[in-house]
Amino acid sequence: TVDAAVQAYAANGTIPSGWNGWTAAEQMRFLDNI
């Protein structure tokens, strides 16, 4: 889910809507890969 969100953000700037429901590891994965 996170990797798909990274790709969407990289492609068109889409910011994930489910951020607050993510685990800390998922949030870190997103920030470390955008």
Full PDB file with SEQRES, HELIX, SHEET, SSBOND, CRYST1, ORIGX, SCALE, CONECT and MASTER records, all heavy atoms in Angstrom:
SEQRES   1 A   34  THR VAL ASP ALA ALA VAL GLN ALA TYR ALA ALA ASN GLY          
SEQRES   2 A   34  THR ILE PRO SER GLY TRP ASN GLY TRP THR ALA ALA GLU          
SEQRES   3 A   34  GLN MET ARG PHE LEU ASP ASN ILE                              
HELIX    1 AA1 VAL A    2  ASN A   12  1                                  11    
HELIX    2 AA2 TRP A   19  GLY A   21  5                                   3    
HELIX    3 AA3 ALA A   24  ASN A   33  1                                  10    
CRYST1    1.000    1.000    1.000  90.00  90.00  90.00 P 1           1          
ORIGX1      1.000000  0.000000  0.000000        0.00000                         
ORIGX2      0.000000  1.000000  0.000000        0.00000                         
ORIGX3      0.000000  0.000000  1.000000        0.00000                         
SCALE1      1.000000  0.000000  0.000000        0.00000                         
SCALE2      0.000000  1.000000  0.000000        0.00000                         
SCALE3      0.000000  0.000000  1.000000        0.00000                         
ATOM      1  N   THR A   1       0.827  -1.207   0.000  1.00  0.00           N  
ATOM      2  CA  THR A   1       0.000   0.000   0.000  1.00  0.00           C  
ATOM      3  C   THR A   1       0.861   1.256   0.000  1.00  0.00           C  
ATOM      4  O   THR A   1       0.613   2.206  -0.754  1.00  0.00           O  
ATOM      5  CB  THR A   1      -0.930   0.006   1.219  1.00  0.00           C  
ATOM      6  OG1 THR A   1      -1.780  -1.141   1.168  1.00  0.00           O  
ATOM      7  CG2 THR A   1      -1.781   1.273   1.255  1.00  0.00           C  
ATOM      8  N   VAL A   2       1.904   1.238   0.819  1.00  0.00           N  
ATOM      9  CA  VAL A   2       2.775   2.406   0.921  1.00  0.00           C  
ATOM     10  C   VAL A   2       3.551   2.615  -0.372  1.00  0.00           C  
ATOM     11  O   VAL A   2       3.672   3.747  -0.862  1.00  0.00           O  
ATOM     12  CB  VAL A   2       3.745   2.247   2.111  1.00  0.00           C  
ATOM     13  CG1 VAL A   2       4.689   3.439   2.204  1.00  0.00           C  
ATOM     14  CG2 VAL A   2       2.970   2.088   3.402  1.00  0.00           C  
ATOM     15  N   ASP A   3       4.075   1.545  -0.924  1.00  0.00           N  
ATOM     16  CA  ASP A   3       4.861   1.680  -2.148  1.00  0.00           C  
ATOM     17  C   ASP A   3       3.995   2.197  -3.298  1.00  0.00           C  
ATOM     18  O   ASP A   3       4.462   2.973  -4.148  1.00  0.00           O  
ATOM     19  CB  ASP A   3       5.504   0.338  -2.513  1.00  0.00           C  
ATOM     20  CG  ASP A   3       6.598  -0.062  -1.518  1.00  0.00           C  
ATOM     21  OD1 ASP A   3       7.048   0.813  -0.765  1.00  0.00           O  
ATOM     22  OD2 ASP A   3       6.975  -1.247  -1.500  1.00  0.00           O  
ATOM     23  N   ALA A   4       2.735   1.795  -3.320  1.00  0.00           N  
ATOM     24  CA  ALA A   4       1.827   2.340  -4.330  1.00  0.00           C  
ATOM     25  C   ALA A   4       1.599   3.828  -4.102  1.00  0.00           C  
ATOM     26  O   ALA A   4       1.534   4.619  -5.060  1.00  0.00           O  
ATOM     27  CB  ALA A   4       0.495   1.594  -4.293  1.00  0.00           C  
ATOM     28  N   ALA A   5       1.519   4.228  -2.836  1.00  0.00           N  
ATOM     29  CA  ALA A   5       1.349   5.647  -2.513  1.00  0.00           C  
ATOM     30  C   ALA A   5       2.584   6.443  -2.891  1.00  0.00           C  
ATOM     31  O   ALA A   5       2.480   7.595  -3.347  1.00  0.00           O  
ATOM     32  CB  ALA A   5       1.039   5.806  -1.029  1.00  0.00           C  
ATOM     33  N   VAL A   6       3.762   5.860  -2.711  1.00  0.00           N  
ATOM     34  CA  VAL A   6       5.002   6.523  -3.117  1.00  0.00           C  
ATOM     35  C   VAL A   6       5.000   6.763  -4.620  1.00  0.00           C  
ATOM     36  O   VAL A   6       5.336   7.851  -5.104  1.00  0.00           O  
ATOM     37  CB  VAL A   6       6.233   5.689  -2.696  1.00  0.00           C  
ATOM     38  CG1 VAL A   6       7.503   6.217  -3.357  1.00  0.00           C  
ATOM     39  CG2 VAL A   6       6.388   5.694  -1.182  1.00  0.00           C  
ATOM     40  N   GLN A   7       4.608   5.752  -5.379  1.00  0.00           N  
ATOM     41  CA  GLN A   7       4.578   5.877  -6.838  1.00  0.00           C  
ATOM     42  C   GLN A   7       3.577   6.939  -7.277  1.00  0.00           C  
ATOM     43  O   GLN A   7       3.848   7.738  -8.189  1.00  0.00           O  
ATOM     44  CB  GLN A   7       4.234   4.530  -7.460  1.00  0.00           C  
ATOM     45  CG  GLN A   7       5.318   3.477  -7.290  1.00  0.00           C  
ATOM     46  CD  GLN A   7       4.920   2.123  -7.857  1.00  0.00           C  
ATOM     47  OE1 GLN A   7       3.880   1.992  -8.505  1.00  0.00           O  
ATOM     48  NE2 GLN A   7       5.741   1.105  -7.601  1.00  0.00           N  
ATOM     49  N   ALA A   8       2.412   6.978  -6.622  1.00  0.00           N  
ATOM     50  CA  ALA A   8       1.396   7.976  -6.984  1.00  0.00           C  
ATOM     51  C   ALA A   8       1.882   9.383  -6.661  1.00  0.00           C  
ATOM     52  O   ALA A   8       1.671  10.319  -7.447  1.00  0.00           O  
ATOM     53  CB  ALA A   8       0.094   7.679  -6.243  1.00  0.00           C  
ATOM     54  N   TYR A   9       2.548   9.518  -5.525  1.00  0.00           N  
ATOM     55  CA  TYR A   9       3.054  10.840  -5.155  1.00  0.00           C  
ATOM     56  C   TYR A   9       4.156  11.274  -6.115  1.00  0.00           C  
ATOM     57  O   TYR A   9       4.204  12.444  -6.542  1.00  0.00           O  
ATOM     58  CB  TYR A   9       3.577  10.824  -3.725  1.00  0.00           C  
ATOM     59  CG  TYR A   9       4.151  12.154  -3.273  1.00  0.00           C  
ATOM     60  CD1 TYR A   9       3.323  13.213  -2.944  1.00  0.00           C  
ATOM     61  CD2 TYR A   9       5.525  12.350  -3.208  1.00  0.00           C  
ATOM     62  CE1 TYR A   9       3.840  14.438  -2.548  1.00  0.00           C  
ATOM     63  CE2 TYR A   9       6.062  13.567  -2.816  1.00  0.00           C  
ATOM     64  CZ  TYR A   9       5.211  14.607  -2.485  1.00  0.00           C  
ATOM     65  OH  TYR A   9       5.724  15.824  -2.111  1.00  0.00           O  
ATOM     66  N   ALA A  10       5.038  10.362  -6.483  1.00  0.00           N  
ATOM     67  CA  ALA A  10       6.124  10.693  -7.404  1.00  0.00           C  
ATOM     68  C   ALA A  10       5.597  11.045  -8.784  1.00  0.00           C  
ATOM     69  O   ALA A  10       6.147  11.913  -9.473  1.00  0.00           O  
ATOM     70  CB  ALA A  10       7.103   9.528  -7.493  1.00  0.00           C  
ATOM     71  N   ALA A  11       4.508  10.383  -9.188  1.00  0.00           N  
ATOM     72  CA  ALA A  11       3.977  10.588 -10.533  1.00  0.00           C  
ATOM     73  C   ALA A  11       3.196  11.887 -10.665  1.00  0.00           C  
ATOM     74  O   ALA A  11       3.358  12.634 -11.644  1.00  0.00           O  
ATOM     75  CB  ALA A  11       3.093   9.404 -10.920  1.00  0.00           C  
ATOM     76  N   ASN A  12       2.344  12.169  -9.679  1.00  0.00           N  
ATOM     77  CA  ASN A  12       1.459  13.329  -9.847  1.00  0.00           C  
ATOM     78  C   ASN A  12       1.215  14.129  -8.576  1.00  0.00           C  
ATOM     79  O   ASN A  12       0.307  14.954  -8.531  1.00  0.00           O  
ATOM     80  CB  ASN A  12       0.113  12.877 -10.434  1.00  0.00           C  
ATOM     81  CG  ASN A  12      -0.502  11.743  -9.622  1.00  0.00           C  
ATOM     82  OD1 ASN A  12      -0.408  11.716  -8.402  1.00  0.00           O  
ATOM     83  ND2 ASN A  12      -1.115  10.784 -10.327  1.00  0.00           N  
ATOM     84  N   GLY A  13       2.031  13.858  -7.543  1.00  0.00           N  
ATOM     85  CA  GLY A  13       1.902  14.648  -6.323  1.00  0.00           C  
ATOM     86  C   GLY A  13       0.741  14.278  -5.435  1.00  0.00           C  
ATOM     87  O   GLY A  13       0.383  15.042  -4.522  1.00  0.00           O  
ATOM     88  N   THR A  14       0.126  13.105  -5.652  1.00  0.00           N  
ATOM     89  CA  THR A  14      -1.006  12.679  -4.829  1.00  0.00           C  
ATOM     90  C   THR A  14      -0.544  12.348  -3.422  1.00  0.00           C  
ATOM     91  O   THR A  14       0.286  11.448  -3.216  1.00  0.00           O  
ATOM     92  CB  THR A  14      -1.689  11.444  -5.445  1.00  0.00           C  
ATOM     93  OG1 THR A  14      -2.131  11.769  -6.758  1.00  0.00           O  
ATOM     94  CG2 THR A  14      -2.873  11.003  -4.595  1.00  0.00           C  
ATOM     95  N   ILE A  15      -1.066  13.055  -2.451  1.00  0.00           N  
ATOM     96  CA  ILE A  15      -0.697  12.833  -1.047  1.00  0.00           C  
ATOM     97  C   ILE A  15      -1.617  11.768  -0.465  1.00  0.00           C  
ATOM     98  O   ILE A  15      -2.842  11.860  -0.624  1.00  0.00           O  
ATOM     99  CB  ILE A  15      -0.792  14.142  -0.243  1.00  0.00           C  
ATOM    100  CG1 ILE A  15       0.218  15.153  -0.813  1.00  0.00           C  
ATOM    101  CG2 ILE A  15      -0.538  13.889   1.237  1.00  0.00           C  
ATOM    102  CD1 ILE A  15       0.155  16.525  -0.170  1.00  0.00           C  
ATOM    103  N   PRO A  16      -1.094  10.748   0.192  1.00  0.00           N  
ATOM    104  CA  PRO A  16      -1.946   9.643   0.673  1.00  0.00           C  
ATOM    105  C   PRO A  16      -2.990  10.120   1.679  1.00  0.00           C  
ATOM    106  O   PRO A  16      -2.700  10.915   2.576  1.00  0.00           O  
ATOM    107  CB  PRO A  16      -0.945   8.673   1.313  1.00  0.00           C  
ATOM    108  CG  PRO A  16       0.265   9.498   1.615  1.00  0.00           C  
ATOM    109  CD  PRO A  16       0.327  10.541   0.541  1.00  0.00           C  
ATOM    110  N   SER A  17      -4.186   9.595   1.523  1.00  0.00           N  
ATOM    111  CA  SER A  17      -5.289   9.998   2.402  1.00  0.00           C  
ATOM    112  C   SER A  17      -5.360   9.163   3.678  1.00  0.00           C  
ATOM    113  O   SER A  17      -5.980   9.567   4.654  1.00  0.00           O  
ATOM    114  CB  SER A  17      -6.619   9.892   1.645  1.00  0.00           C  
ATOM    115  OG  SER A  17      -6.830   8.559   1.196  1.00  0.00           O  
ATOM    116  N   GLY A  18      -4.730   7.999   3.672  1.00  0.00           N  
ATOM    117  CA  GLY A  18      -4.825   7.119   4.832  1.00  0.00           C  
ATOM    118  C   GLY A  18      -3.683   7.233   5.820  1.00  0.00           C  
ATOM    119  O   GLY A  18      -3.477   6.326   6.642  1.00  0.00           O  
ATOM    120  N   TRP A  19      -2.933   8.316   5.748  1.00  0.00           N  
ATOM    121  CA  TRP A  19      -1.719   8.497   6.547  1.00  0.00           C  
ATOM    122  C   TRP A  19      -1.934   8.225   8.035  1.00  0.00           C  
ATOM    123  O   TRP A  19      -1.140   7.531   8.670  1.00  0.00           O  
ATOM    124  CB  TRP A  19      -1.182   9.910   6.337  1.00  0.00           C  
ATOM    125  CG  TRP A  19       0.007  10.280   7.152  1.00  0.00           C  
ATOM    126  CD1 TRP A  19       0.017  10.914   8.373  1.00  0.00           C  
ATOM    127  CD2 TRP A  19       1.385  10.046   6.834  1.00  0.00           C  
ATOM    128  NE1 TRP A  19       1.297  11.093   8.820  1.00  0.00           N  
ATOM    129  CE2 TRP A  19       2.150  10.567   7.888  1.00  0.00           C  
ATOM    130  CE3 TRP A  19       2.032   9.443   5.746  1.00  0.00           C  
ATOM    131  CZ2 TRP A  19       3.546  10.522   7.887  1.00  0.00           C  
ATOM    132  CZ3 TRP A  19       3.416   9.398   5.752  1.00  0.00           C  
ATOM    133  CH2 TRP A  19       4.160   9.926   6.807  1.00  0.00           C  
ATOM    134  N   ASN A  20      -2.974   8.776   8.599  1.00  0.00           N  
ATOM    135  CA  ASN A  20      -3.178   8.654  10.052  1.00  0.00           C  
ATOM    136  C   ASN A  20      -3.468   7.227  10.481  1.00  0.00           C  
ATOM    137  O   ASN A  20      -3.325   6.896  11.670  1.00  0.00           O  
ATOM    138  CB  ASN A  20      -4.308   9.580  10.499  1.00  0.00           C  
ATOM    139  CG  ASN A  20      -3.915  11.050  10.409  1.00  0.00           C  
ATOM    140  OD1 ASN A  20      -2.741  11.395  10.547  1.00  0.00           O  
ATOM    141  ND2 ASN A  20      -4.891  11.918  10.170  1.00  0.00           N  
ATOM    142  N   GLY A  21      -3.859   6.380   9.544  1.00  0.00           N  
ATOM    143  CA  GLY A  21      -4.088   4.984   9.876  1.00  0.00           C  
ATOM    144  C   GLY A  21      -2.894   4.090   9.624  1.00  0.00           C  
ATOM    145  O   GLY A  21      -2.943   2.894   9.900  1.00  0.00           O  
ATOM    146  N   TRP A  22      -1.831   4.676   9.117  1.00  0.00           N  
ATOM    147  CA  TRP A  22      -0.621   3.901   8.842  1.00  0.00           C  
ATOM    148  C   TRP A  22       0.171   3.656  10.125  1.00  0.00           C  
ATOM    149  O   TRP A  22       0.133   4.452  11.071  1.00  0.00           O  
ATOM    150  CB  TRP A  22       0.274   4.646   7.858  1.00  0.00           C  
ATOM    151  CG  TRP A  22      -0.207   4.595   6.438  1.00  0.00           C  
ATOM    152  CD1 TRP A  22      -1.351   3.993   5.973  1.00  0.00           C  
ATOM    153  CD2 TRP A  22       0.446   5.169   5.307  1.00  0.00           C  
ATOM    154  NE1 TRP A  22      -1.442   4.157   4.616  1.00  0.00           N  
ATOM    155  CE2 TRP A  22      -0.356   4.867   4.177  1.00  0.00           C  
ATOM    156  CE3 TRP A  22       1.611   5.892   5.124  1.00  0.00           C  
ATOM    157  CZ2 TRP A  22      -0.020   5.280   2.890  1.00  0.00           C  
ATOM    158  CZ3 TRP A  22       1.959   6.297   3.842  1.00  0.00           C  
ATOM    159  CH2 TRP A  22       1.157   5.997   2.737  1.00  0.00           C  
ATOM    160  N   THR A  23       0.943   2.578  10.120  1.00  0.00           N  
ATOM    161  CA  THR A  23       1.891   2.332  11.202  1.00  0.00           C  
ATOM    162  C   THR A  23       3.073   3.290  11.066  1.00  0.00           C  
ATOM    163  O   THR A  23       3.289   3.899  10.004  1.00  0.00           O  
ATOM    164  CB  THR A  23       2.417   0.892  11.155  1.00  0.00           C  
ATOM    165  OG1 THR A  23       3.191   0.713   9.956  1.00  0.00           O  
ATOM    166  CG2 THR A  23       1.276  -0.113  11.195  1.00  0.00           C  
ATOM    167  N   ALA A  24       3.840   3.417  12.138  1.00  0.00           N  
ATOM    168  CA  ALA A  24       5.041   4.261  12.077  1.00  0.00           C  
ATOM    169  C   ALA A  24       6.001   3.750  11.010  1.00  0.00           C  
ATOM    170  O   ALA A  24       6.626   4.546  10.300  1.00  0.00           O  
ATOM    171  CB  ALA A  24       5.728   4.304  13.445  1.00  0.00           C  
ATOM    172  N   ALA A  25       6.117   2.435  10.877  1.00  0.00           N  
ATOM    173  CA  ALA A  25       7.001   1.870   9.853  1.00  0.00           C  
ATOM    174  C   ALA A  25       6.529   2.265   8.462  1.00  0.00           C  
ATOM    175  O   ALA A  25       7.345   2.558   7.576  1.00  0.00           O  
ATOM    176  CB  ALA A  25       7.059   0.348   9.984  1.00  0.00           C  
ATOM    177  N   GLU A  26       5.220   2.284   8.245  1.00  0.00           N  
ATOM    178  CA  GLU A  26       4.683   2.676   6.940  1.00  0.00           C  
ATOM    179  C   GLU A  26       4.942   4.154   6.660  1.00  0.00           C  
ATOM    180  O   GLU A  26       5.294   4.540   5.532  1.00  0.00           O  
ATOM    181  CB  GLU A  26       3.190   2.362   6.893  1.00  0.00           C  
ATOM    182  CG  GLU A  26       2.905   0.869   6.811  1.00  0.00           C  
ATOM    183  CD  GLU A  26       1.442   0.520   7.006  1.00  0.00           C  
ATOM    184  OE1 GLU A  26       0.732   1.272   7.711  1.00  0.00           O  
ATOM    185  OE2 GLU A  26       1.010  -0.520   6.470  1.00  0.00           O  
ATOM    186  N   GLN A  27       4.777   4.987   7.681  1.00  0.00           N  
ATOM    187  CA  GLN A  27       5.060   6.404   7.505  1.00  0.00           C  
ATOM    188  C   GLN A  27       6.539   6.634   7.193  1.00  0.00           C  
ATOM    189  O   GLN A  27       6.893   7.441   6.327  1.00  0.00           O  
ATOM    190  CB  GLN A  27       4.636   7.177   8.751  1.00  0.00           C  
ATOM    191  CG  GLN A  27       3.136   7.171   8.982  1.00  0.00           C  
ATOM    192  CD  GLN A  27       2.727   7.927  10.238  1.00  0.00           C  
ATOM    193  OE1 GLN A  27       3.566   8.367  11.031  1.00  0.00           O  
ATOM    194  NE2 GLN A  27       1.425   8.076  10.439  1.00  0.00           N  
ATOM    195  N   MET A  28       7.402   5.916   7.883  1.00  0.00           N  
ATOM    196  CA  MET A  28       8.835   6.048   7.630  1.00  0.00           C  
ATOM    197  C   MET A  28       9.187   5.560   6.225  1.00  0.00           C  
ATOM    198  O   MET A  28       9.997   6.174   5.535  1.00  0.00           O  
ATOM    199  CB  MET A  28       9.612   5.264   8.697  1.00  0.00           C  
ATOM    200  CG  MET A  28       9.508   5.866  10.097  1.00  0.00           C  
ATOM    201  SD  MET A  28      10.033   4.727  11.408  1.00  0.00           S  
ATOM    202  CE  MET A  28      11.743   4.483  10.963  1.00  0.00           C  
ATOM    203  N   ARG A  29       8.571   4.480   5.794  1.00  0.00           N  
ATOM    204  CA  ARG A  29       8.818   3.948   4.449  1.00  0.00           C  
ATOM    205  C   ARG A  29       8.449   5.005   3.397  1.00  0.00           C  
ATOM    206  O   ARG A  29       9.185   5.212   2.426  1.00  0.00           O  
ATOM    207  CB  ARG A  29       7.986   2.686   4.241  1.00  0.00           C  
ATOM    208  CG  ARG A  29       8.027   2.112   2.819  1.00  0.00           C  
ATOM    209  CD  ARG A  29       9.277   1.308   2.573  1.00  0.00           C  
ATOM    210  NE  ARG A  29       9.146   0.497   1.362  1.00  0.00           N  
ATOM    211  CZ  ARG A  29       9.890  -0.564   1.089  1.00  0.00           C  
ATOM    212  NH1 ARG A  29      10.832  -0.942   1.936  1.00  0.00           N  
ATOM    213  NH2 ARG A  29       9.709  -1.251  -0.025  1.00  0.00           N  
ATOM    214  N   PHE A  30       7.315   5.655   3.570  1.00  0.00           N  
ATOM    215  CA  PHE A  30       6.878   6.662   2.619  1.00  0.00           C  
ATOM    216  C   PHE A  30       7.866   7.819   2.562  1.00  0.00           C  
ATOM    217  O   PHE A  30       8.337   8.204   1.483  1.00  0.00           O  
ATOM    218  CB  PHE A  30       5.486   7.163   3.010  1.00  0.00           C  
ATOM    219  CG  PHE A  30       4.940   8.225   2.092  1.00  0.00           C  
ATOM    220  CD1 PHE A  30       4.322   7.880   0.902  1.00  0.00           C  
ATOM    221  CD2 PHE A  30       5.041   9.563   2.424  1.00  0.00           C  
ATOM    222  CE1 PHE A  30       3.816   8.859   0.051  1.00  0.00           C  
ATOM    223  CE2 PHE A  30       4.546  10.551   1.582  1.00  0.00           C  
ATOM    224  CZ  PHE A  30       3.935  10.200   0.392  1.00  0.00           C  
ATOM    225  N   LEU A  31       8.204   8.390   3.702  1.00  0.00           N  
ATOM    226  CA  LEU A  31       9.090   9.555   3.728  1.00  0.00           C  
ATOM    227  C   LEU A  31      10.485   9.225   3.208  1.00  0.00           C  
ATOM    228  O   LEU A  31      11.159  10.078   2.630  1.00  0.00           O  
ATOM    229  CB  LEU A  31       9.183  10.110   5.148  1.00  0.00           C  
ATOM    230  CG  LEU A  31       7.930  10.807   5.671  1.00  0.00           C  
ATOM    231  CD1 LEU A  31       8.108  11.194   7.130  1.00  0.00           C  
ATOM    232  CD2 LEU A  31       7.586  12.027   4.831  1.00  0.00           C  
ATOM    233  N   ASP A  32      10.899   7.986   3.395  1.00  0.00           N  
ATOM    234  CA  ASP A  32      12.252   7.593   2.995  1.00  0.00           C  
ATOM    235  C   ASP A  32      12.346   7.268   1.509  1.00  0.00           C  
ATOM    236  O   ASP A  32      13.448   7.130   0.976  1.00  0.00           O  
ATOM    237  CB  ASP A  32      12.694   6.381   3.816  1.00  0.00           C  
ATOM    238  CG  ASP A  32      14.197   6.339   4.023  1.00  0.00           C  
ATOM    239  OD1 ASP A  32      14.829   7.416   4.009  1.00  0.00           O  
ATOM    240  OD2 ASP A  32      14.740   5.238   4.199  1.00  0.00           O  
ATOM    241  N   ASN A  33      11.194   7.161   0.833  1.00  0.00           N  
ATOM    242  CA  ASN A  33      11.221   6.717  -0.555  1.00  0.00           C  
ATOM    243  C   ASN A  33      10.631   7.707  -1.559  1.00  0.00           C  
ATOM    244  O   ASN A  33      10.771   7.502  -2.769  1.00  0.00           O  
ATOM    245  CB  ASN A  33      10.495   5.365  -0.688  1.00  0.00           C  
ATOM    246  CG  ASN A  33      11.320   4.217  -0.159  1.00  0.00           C  
ATOM    247  OD1 ASN A  33      12.142   3.646  -0.860  1.00  0.00           O  
ATOM    248  ND2 ASN A  33      11.116   3.874   1.107  1.00  0.00           N  
ATOM    249  N   ILE A  34       9.980   8.749  -1.101  1.00  0.00           N  
ATOM    250  CA  ILE A  34       9.475   9.742  -2.046  1.00  0.00           C  
ATOM    251  C   ILE A  34      10.648  10.514  -2.645  1.00  0.00           C  
ATOM    252  O   ILE A  34      11.754  10.498  -2.098  1.00  0.00           O  
ATOM    253  CB  ILE A  34       8.484  10.707  -1.365  1.00  0.00           C  
ATOM    254  CG1 ILE A  34       9.169  11.457  -0.199  1.00  0.00           C  
ATOM    255  CG2 ILE A  34       7.240   9.969  -0.898  1.00  0.00           C  
ATOM    256  CD1 ILE A  34       8.291  12.508   0.430  1.00  0.00           C  
TER     257      ILE A  34                                                      
MASTER        0    0    0    3    0    0    0    6  256    1    0    3          
END                                                                             
